[in-house]
Protein backbone atom coordinates (compact mmCIF):
# COMPACT_ATOMS: atom_id res chain seq x y z
CA GLY A 1 -132.54 26.35 231.73
CA VAL A 2 -130.73 23.11 231.22
CA MET A 3 -131.85 21.99 234.60
CA TRP A 4 -135.56 22.39 234.22
CA LEU A 5 -135.66 20.79 230.84
CA SER A 6 -133.98 17.77 232.30
CA ILE A 7 -136.48 17.48 234.99
CA PHE A 8 -139.15 17.87 232.72
CA SER A 9 -137.71 15.13 230.07
CA LEU A 10 -137.04 12.73 232.98
CA VAL A 11 -140.61 13.04 234.25
CA TYR A 12 -142.57 13.10 231.00
CA PHE A 13 -140.35 11.28 228.82
CA GLY A 14 -139.15 8.81 231.16
CA PHE A 15 -141.61 8.20 233.83
CA VAL A 16 -145.17 9.21 232.14
CA ARG A 17 -144.27 8.12 228.52
CA GLU A 18 -142.38 5.04 230.07
CA GLY A 19 -139.27 5.76 227.99
CA CYS A 20 -141.18 5.12 224.65
CA VAL A 21 -140.80 6.04 221.96
CA CYS A 22 -137.17 7.54 222.45
CA SER A 23 -134.66 9.11 219.81
CA VAL A 24 -132.25 6.05 220.76
CA GLY A 25 -134.75 3.42 219.87
CA SER A 26 -136.22 5.41 216.73
CA LEU A 27 -133.18 4.59 214.72
CA GLN A 28 -134.47 0.98 214.55
CA ASN A 29 -137.53 1.97 213.15
CA ILE A 30 -135.97 3.93 210.54
CA ALA A 31 -133.79 1.06 209.60
CA LEU A 32 -136.81 -1.10 209.15
CA THR A 33 -138.67 1.28 207.25
CA LEU A 34 -135.80 1.63 204.52
CA PHE A 35 -135.62 -2.09 204.14
CA ASP A 36 -139.16 -3.10 204.22
CA PRO A 37 -141.69 -1.54 202.16
CA ALA A 38 -144.38 -3.21 204.03
CA TYR A 39 -143.55 -1.18 207.34
CA ALA A 40 -145.24 2.03 207.90
CA ILE A 41 -143.50 4.36 210.27
CA SER A 42 -145.29 7.42 211.99
CA ILE A 43 -144.35 11.08 211.74
CA PRO A 44 -143.65 11.54 215.38
CA ILE A 45 -141.26 8.62 215.19
CA ILE A 46 -139.54 10.43 212.14
CA LEU A 47 -139.39 13.56 214.03
CA PHE A 48 -137.88 11.90 217.26
CA PHE A 49 -134.96 10.40 215.11
CA LEU A 50 -134.68 13.57 213.12
CA LEU A 51 -134.87 16.62 215.42
CA PRO A 52 -131.98 15.81 218.03
CA LEU A 53 -129.89 15.48 214.88
CA LEU A 54 -130.72 18.71 213.33
CA PHE A 55 -130.13 20.74 216.63
CA SER A 56 -126.65 18.85 217.05
CA LEU A 57 -125.90 19.66 213.60
CA PHE A 58 -126.08 23.73 214.63
CA PHE A 59 -125.82 23.85 218.42
CA GLY A 60 -123.98 20.23 219.35
CA ARG A 61 -125.35 17.51 221.48
CA VAL A 62 -128.01 19.70 223.46
CA PHE A 63 -130.35 16.76 223.32
CA CYS A 64 -127.88 14.77 225.45
CA ALA A 65 -127.54 17.78 227.89
CA SER A 66 -131.26 17.70 228.72
CA ALA A 67 -133.62 16.15 226.56
CA CYS A 68 -132.80 12.44 226.74
CA PRO A 69 -134.22 10.89 229.76
CA LEU A 70 -131.68 8.09 229.60
CA GLY A 71 -128.95 10.55 230.25
CA VAL A 72 -130.41 12.69 232.81
CA ILE A 73 -131.28 9.65 235.13
CA GLN A 74 -127.47 8.93 235.04
CA ASP A 75 -126.66 12.63 235.53
CA LEU A 76 -128.63 12.34 238.83
CA VAL A 77 -126.30 9.80 240.42
CA ILE A 78 -122.76 11.48 239.40
CA ILE A 79 -121.12 11.90 242.93
CA LYS A 80 -117.23 11.19 242.36
CA PRO A 81 -116.50 10.61 238.65
CA ILE A 82 -113.15 9.28 238.10
CA THR A 83 -110.89 10.16 234.94
CA ILE A 84 -110.66 7.19 232.75
CA PRO A 85 -107.37 6.84 230.85
CA ALA A 86 -107.47 8.27 227.49
CA TRP A 87 -106.45 4.74 225.60
CA LEU A 88 -109.18 3.03 227.46
CA GLN A 89 -111.85 5.61 226.69
CA LYS A 90 -110.94 5.29 222.95
CA ALA A 91 -111.00 1.75 223.26
CA LEU A 92 -114.52 1.58 224.98
CA GLY A 93 -115.83 4.17 222.55
CA PHE A 94 -115.71 1.40 219.70
CA ILE A 95 -118.51 -0.29 221.53
CA PRO A 96 -120.97 1.94 220.46
CA TYR A 97 -120.25 1.48 216.77
CA ILE A 98 -120.72 -2.37 217.21
CA TYR A 99 -124.20 -1.85 219.11
CA LEU A 100 -125.14 0.57 216.55
CA GLY A 101 -124.27 -1.86 213.51
CA LEU A 102 -125.93 -4.85 214.99
CA ALA A 103 -128.98 -2.76 215.89
CA VAL A 104 -129.43 -1.49 212.34
CA LEU A 105 -128.77 -5.20 211.16
CA LEU A 106 -131.24 -6.97 213.18
CA ALA A 107 -133.93 -4.18 212.81
CA ALA A 108 -133.41 -4.12 208.96
CA THR A 109 -133.86 -7.78 208.67
CA GLY A 110 -137.19 -7.66 210.82
CA SER A 111 -135.25 -9.93 213.62
CA ASP A 112 -135.52 -7.84 216.66
CA PHE A 113 -135.11 -4.44 218.19
CA ILE A 114 -132.39 -4.98 220.64
CA ILE A 115 -131.98 -1.22 221.80
CA CYS A 116 -135.43 -1.42 223.06
CA ARG A 117 -135.21 -4.99 224.64
CA TYR A 118 -132.09 -4.35 226.45
CA ASP A 119 -132.75 -0.64 227.34
CA PRO A 120 -131.38 -0.71 230.96
CA PHE A 121 -133.38 2.13 232.31
CA VAL A 122 -137.10 1.18 230.78
CA GLY A 123 -137.50 -1.02 233.43
CA ILE A 124 -137.04 1.73 235.98
CA PHE A 125 -139.34 3.90 234.03
CA ARG A 126 -142.00 1.48 233.94
CA LEU A 127 -141.41 0.45 237.45
CA GLY A 128 -141.33 -3.06 236.66
CA ALA A 129 -139.64 -5.42 234.03
CA GLU A 130 -137.81 -8.59 234.00
CA PHE A 131 -135.49 -9.25 237.12
CA SER A 132 -132.24 -9.32 234.81
CA MET A 133 -133.37 -5.88 233.31
CA ILE A 134 -133.63 -4.61 236.68
CA VAL A 135 -130.44 -5.55 237.67
CA LEU A 136 -128.96 -4.09 234.59
CA GLY A 137 -130.42 -0.82 235.15
CA VAL A 138 -129.26 -0.46 238.67
CA ALA A 139 -125.76 -1.82 237.92
CA PHE A 140 -125.42 1.07 235.24
CA LEU A 141 -126.38 3.82 237.87
CA LEU A 142 -124.20 2.25 240.33
CA MET A 143 -121.34 2.36 237.92
CA GLY A 144 -122.57 5.98 237.23
CA LEU A 145 -121.69 7.13 240.71
CA PHE A 146 -118.03 6.86 239.91
CA VAL A 147 -118.13 6.61 235.74
CA ALA A 148 -120.21 9.34 234.69
CA ARG A 149 -122.88 8.46 232.27
CA PRO A 150 -121.60 4.76 231.17
CA TYR A 151 -124.45 4.22 229.01
CA CYS A 152 -124.16 7.20 227.09
CA ARG A 153 -120.20 7.21 226.65
CA PHE A 154 -119.52 3.30 225.86
CA LEU A 155 -122.83 1.96 224.56
CA CYS A 156 -125.57 4.43 223.49
CA PRO A 157 -125.68 3.90 219.25
CA TYR A 158 -127.70 7.15 219.06
CA GLY A 159 -124.63 9.16 220.40
CA VAL A 160 -122.69 7.87 217.46
CA LEU A 161 -124.84 9.64 214.96
CA LEU A 162 -125.08 12.64 217.25
CA GLY A 163 -121.49 12.83 217.43
CA TRP A 164 -120.94 12.69 213.45
CA THR A 165 -123.53 15.82 213.02
CA SER A 166 -122.29 17.66 216.39
CA ARG A 167 -118.90 17.75 214.69
CA PHE A 168 -119.96 20.07 212.19
CA SER A 169 -121.93 22.35 214.77
CA LYS A 170 -121.27 26.10 214.06
CA TYR A 171 -122.86 27.44 217.30
CA HIS A 172 -121.57 24.99 219.74
CA MET A 173 -121.38 25.37 223.22
CA SER A 174 -118.16 27.38 224.39
CA ILE A 175 -116.51 27.22 227.99
CA THR A 176 -115.62 30.95 227.91
CA PRO A 177 -117.81 34.04 227.07
CA SER A 178 -114.73 35.67 225.57
CA ALA A 179 -110.80 35.38 225.28
CA CYS A 180 -109.47 32.18 227.32
CA ILE A 181 -106.86 33.17 230.05
CA GLN A 182 -105.90 29.56 230.25
CA CYS A 183 -106.39 29.39 234.09
CA LYS A 184 -107.32 25.61 233.99
CA LEU A 185 -109.97 25.77 236.34
CA CYS A 186 -112.24 24.22 233.73
CA GLU A 187 -110.16 21.25 233.15
CA PRO A 188 -111.23 19.05 236.24
CA SER A 189 -114.97 20.27 235.97
CA CYS A 190 -116.04 18.21 232.91
CA PRO A 191 -117.12 14.63 234.49
CA PHE A 192 -116.82 13.13 230.87
CA SER A 193 -113.17 14.41 230.13
CA VAL A 194 -114.11 15.77 226.79
CA ILE A 195 -112.34 19.23 227.26
CA ASP A 196 -109.57 19.68 224.78
CA LYS A 197 -106.17 21.19 226.11
CA PRO A 198 -104.12 23.89 224.38
CA THR A 199 -101.67 22.34 222.11
CA GLU A 200 -98.25 23.26 221.14
CA ALA A 201 -96.88 23.59 217.74
CA LEU A 202 -95.41 20.36 216.45
CA LYS A 203 -91.55 19.97 215.62
CA PRO A 204 -91.01 19.14 212.09
CA ASP A 205 -89.59 15.82 212.94
CA GLN A 206 -93.01 15.18 214.67
CA LYS A 207 -95.01 16.42 211.53
CA ALA A 208 -93.15 14.19 209.44
CA HIS A 209 -93.74 11.35 211.55
CA ASN A 210 -97.40 12.00 211.99
CA LYS A 211 -97.66 12.42 208.29
CA LYS A 212 -95.97 9.08 207.52
CA TRP A 213 -98.15 6.81 209.79
CA PHE A 214 -101.25 8.69 208.86
CA SER A 215 -100.59 8.15 205.09
CA ILE A 216 -99.84 4.45 205.80
CA TYR A 217 -103.10 3.80 208.09
CA ALA A 218 -105.11 5.79 205.29
CA LEU A 219 -103.77 3.15 202.54
CA LEU A 220 -104.74 0.22 205.12
CA ILE A 221 -108.27 1.55 205.11
CA PRO A 222 -109.54 -0.79 202.25
CA VAL A 223 -107.72 -3.83 203.86
CA TRP A 224 -109.33 -3.14 207.15
CA ILE A 225 -112.98 -2.95 205.54
CA PHE A 226 -112.38 -6.17 203.65
CA ILE A 227 -111.04 -8.06 206.73
CA GLY A 228 -114.02 -6.79 208.73
CA GLY A 229 -116.55 -7.63 206.11
CA PHE A 230 -115.12 -11.14 205.51
CA VAL A 231 -114.77 -11.96 209.36
CA LEU A 232 -118.56 -10.66 209.91
CA SER A 233 -119.44 -12.42 207.00
CA GLN A 234 -118.40 -15.84 208.28
CA ALA A 235 -120.28 -15.35 211.48
CA HIS A 236 -123.76 -14.70 209.60
CA PRO A 237 -125.14 -18.01 210.15
CA PHE A 238 -124.77 -17.41 214.07
CA LEU A 239 -126.23 -13.77 213.54
CA SER A 240 -129.11 -14.83 211.57
CA LYS A 241 -130.53 -16.98 214.48
CA ALA A 242 -131.78 -13.78 216.11
CA HIS A 243 -134.70 -14.04 213.21
CA PRO A 244 -137.39 -16.18 214.52
CA ASP A 245 -138.04 -18.00 211.43
CA VAL A 246 -134.12 -19.13 211.11
CA TYR A 247 -134.23 -20.28 214.67
CA MET A 248 -137.40 -22.17 214.62
CA ALA A 249 -136.40 -23.97 211.23
CA GLU A 250 -133.07 -24.94 212.76
CA LEU A 251 -134.39 -25.93 215.72
CA LEU A 252 -137.12 -28.33 213.95
CA ILE A 253 -134.78 -29.82 211.71
CA LYS A 254 -132.28 -30.67 214.08
CA HIS A 255 -134.88 -31.93 216.79
CA PRO A 256 -138.23 -32.73 214.84
CA GLU A 257 -139.76 -34.49 217.73
CA LEU A 258 -140.03 -31.16 219.28
CA LYS A 259 -143.01 -30.69 217.31
CA ASP A 260 -144.81 -32.95 219.90
CA ASP A 261 -143.74 -30.42 222.89
CA LYS A 262 -147.12 -28.99 223.83
CA SER A 263 -145.16 -26.84 226.78
CA ASN A 264 -143.05 -24.84 223.73
CA LEU A 265 -145.16 -21.86 223.01
CA ASP A 266 -142.97 -20.77 220.04
CA ILE A 267 -143.16 -24.33 218.35
CA GLN A 268 -147.15 -24.54 219.18
CA THR A 269 -147.53 -20.94 217.41
CA PHE A 270 -145.84 -22.06 214.41
CA LEU A 271 -147.97 -25.18 214.11
CA ALA A 272 -150.93 -23.04 214.69
CA SER A 273 -150.15 -21.07 211.70
CA GLU A 274 -150.65 -23.78 209.28
CA LYS A 275 -147.30 -22.99 207.66
CA THR A 276 -145.57 -25.85 206.19
CA MET A 277 -141.81 -26.80 206.93
CA ASP A 278 -140.90 -26.31 203.51
CA GLN A 279 -142.25 -22.60 203.35
CA LEU A 280 -140.60 -22.14 207.02
CA VAL A 281 -137.17 -23.19 205.41
CA GLU A 282 -137.78 -21.14 202.33
CA GLU A 283 -138.43 -18.02 204.37
CA ALA A 284 -135.21 -18.92 206.56
CA THR A 285 -133.12 -19.15 203.53
CA VAL A 286 -134.03 -15.87 202.29
CA VAL A 287 -133.65 -14.02 205.53
CA ARG A 288 -129.88 -16.04 205.78
CA ALA A 289 -129.17 -14.47 202.61
CA LYS A 290 -130.04 -11.01 203.72
CA TYR A 291 -127.74 -11.74 206.70
CA LYS A 292 -125.00 -12.64 204.66
CA THR A 293 -125.32 -9.34 202.89
CA GLY A 294 -125.84 -7.37 205.77
CA SER A 295 -122.77 -8.97 207.87
CA TRP A 296 -120.41 -7.75 204.86
CA ILE A 297 -121.88 -4.20 204.86
CA LEU A 298 -121.47 -4.28 208.77
CA GLY A 299 -118.32 -6.04 208.85
CA GLY A 300 -116.80 -3.40 206.25
CA PHE A 301 -118.51 -0.45 208.41
CA LEU A 302 -116.57 -1.48 211.64
CA GLY A 303 -113.55 -2.00 209.50
CA LEU A 304 -113.76 1.69 208.44
CA VAL A 305 -114.08 2.94 211.97
CA ILE A 306 -110.91 0.78 213.13
CA GLY A 307 -108.97 2.29 210.05
CA ILE A 308 -110.30 6.04 210.89
CA MET A 309 -109.52 5.51 214.39
CA LEU A 310 -105.95 4.72 213.60
CA MET A 311 -105.68 7.54 211.47
CA ASN A 312 -107.01 10.01 213.98
CA GLN A 313 -104.03 9.13 216.37
CA PHE A 314 -101.80 11.03 213.90
CA VAL A 315 -104.10 14.11 213.59
CA THR A 316 -103.17 16.98 215.95
CA ARG A 317 -105.08 20.42 215.63
CA ARG A 318 -103.68 23.45 216.73
CA ARG A 319 -105.40 24.81 219.83
CA THR A 320 -104.74 27.79 221.75
CA ASN A 321 -107.54 27.63 224.19
CA TYR A 322 -109.73 25.01 226.34
CA GLU A 323 -112.29 23.94 224.16
CA PRO A 324 -114.90 21.45 224.36
CA ASN A 325 -114.59 18.30 222.14
CA ARG A 326 -117.64 18.73 219.72
CA VAL A 327 -117.91 14.97 219.10
CA GLY A 328 -117.82 14.10 223.00
CA CYS A 329 -119.26 17.00 224.57
CA TYR A 330 -122.93 16.85 225.77
CA SER A 331 -123.36 20.64 226.14
CA CYS A 332 -124.50 20.36 229.70
CA GLY A 333 -122.67 23.62 230.60
CA ARG A 334 -121.02 22.26 233.75
CA CYS A 335 -117.63 24.08 232.62
CA MET A 336 -119.29 27.43 231.97
CA ASN A 337 -119.47 27.91 235.97
CA TYR A 338 -115.87 27.32 236.40
CA CYS A 339 -114.85 29.99 233.95
CA PRO A 340 -113.69 33.43 235.61
CA VAL A 341 -113.89 35.26 232.54
CA LYS A 342 -116.84 37.44 232.15
CA LYS A 343 -118.42 38.57 228.97
């Protein structure tokens, strides 16, 4: 069932619909809707955004397993997946949070939809795109020969949201249909390294050590939030250049002679709009103020994520069986075939 749904999703949502609209990019439409009352969003886009999250809340990341064409196209090329060290996997796992925050910030300010603009597989689905994007898509697929689903694991911003909801899934996929006999056959079966091993009970001194450092990092979370917010707020002049009004205003203020450049389509479009320079500067100032506030929020969010990641190093849940990690598991079912236990 997973295989046939994967084929349908790749053909229809990928090549027929050319990868648009997808659930990954729909979060930008949601962000723009929340912050721009003039923007009208359609019901299908809302459903594309909400339905995978709703399903993951009950069943885990089943959307990633077979309904997402971005994941399916990467699954096709997995040949000899290597195991990435746990510390490196955790470090790279921070990148999707950065991408998610930037995507929301740029969409909310009306600057750009970067998830769609830099989707590495849209060029493949549409059988044509800018050369750089074709190269990026091919590079991800070549990487996927040995690092399973690199985009999903280390870049996908929608995967962050799916991980949050999947954590609470009541009917999440399990490896074995009954009691686990700890044969370890499923352990190497997951190309994404998201099967949690059984754990031993902690000794009293280990519990005290973990509790101490957990408390320290918990108390430091407000510090991380402030540092993140402050650092990103200082970068808001640079980030705001992603908005066309800010970019154009700075360009014409620094180089007024470019108004006579007939070959620059952006400048000629601005001049044809009959908007005065004062109006452009005023609009750019409003946008930059939005970026200053948004950068504080984005920085605080990333600081919070860092704080929680540090805390989680000292959280150990007692496990007696091999279990799929509910946040990272894609519910693809590969591990089930390796389990010798019968129902």
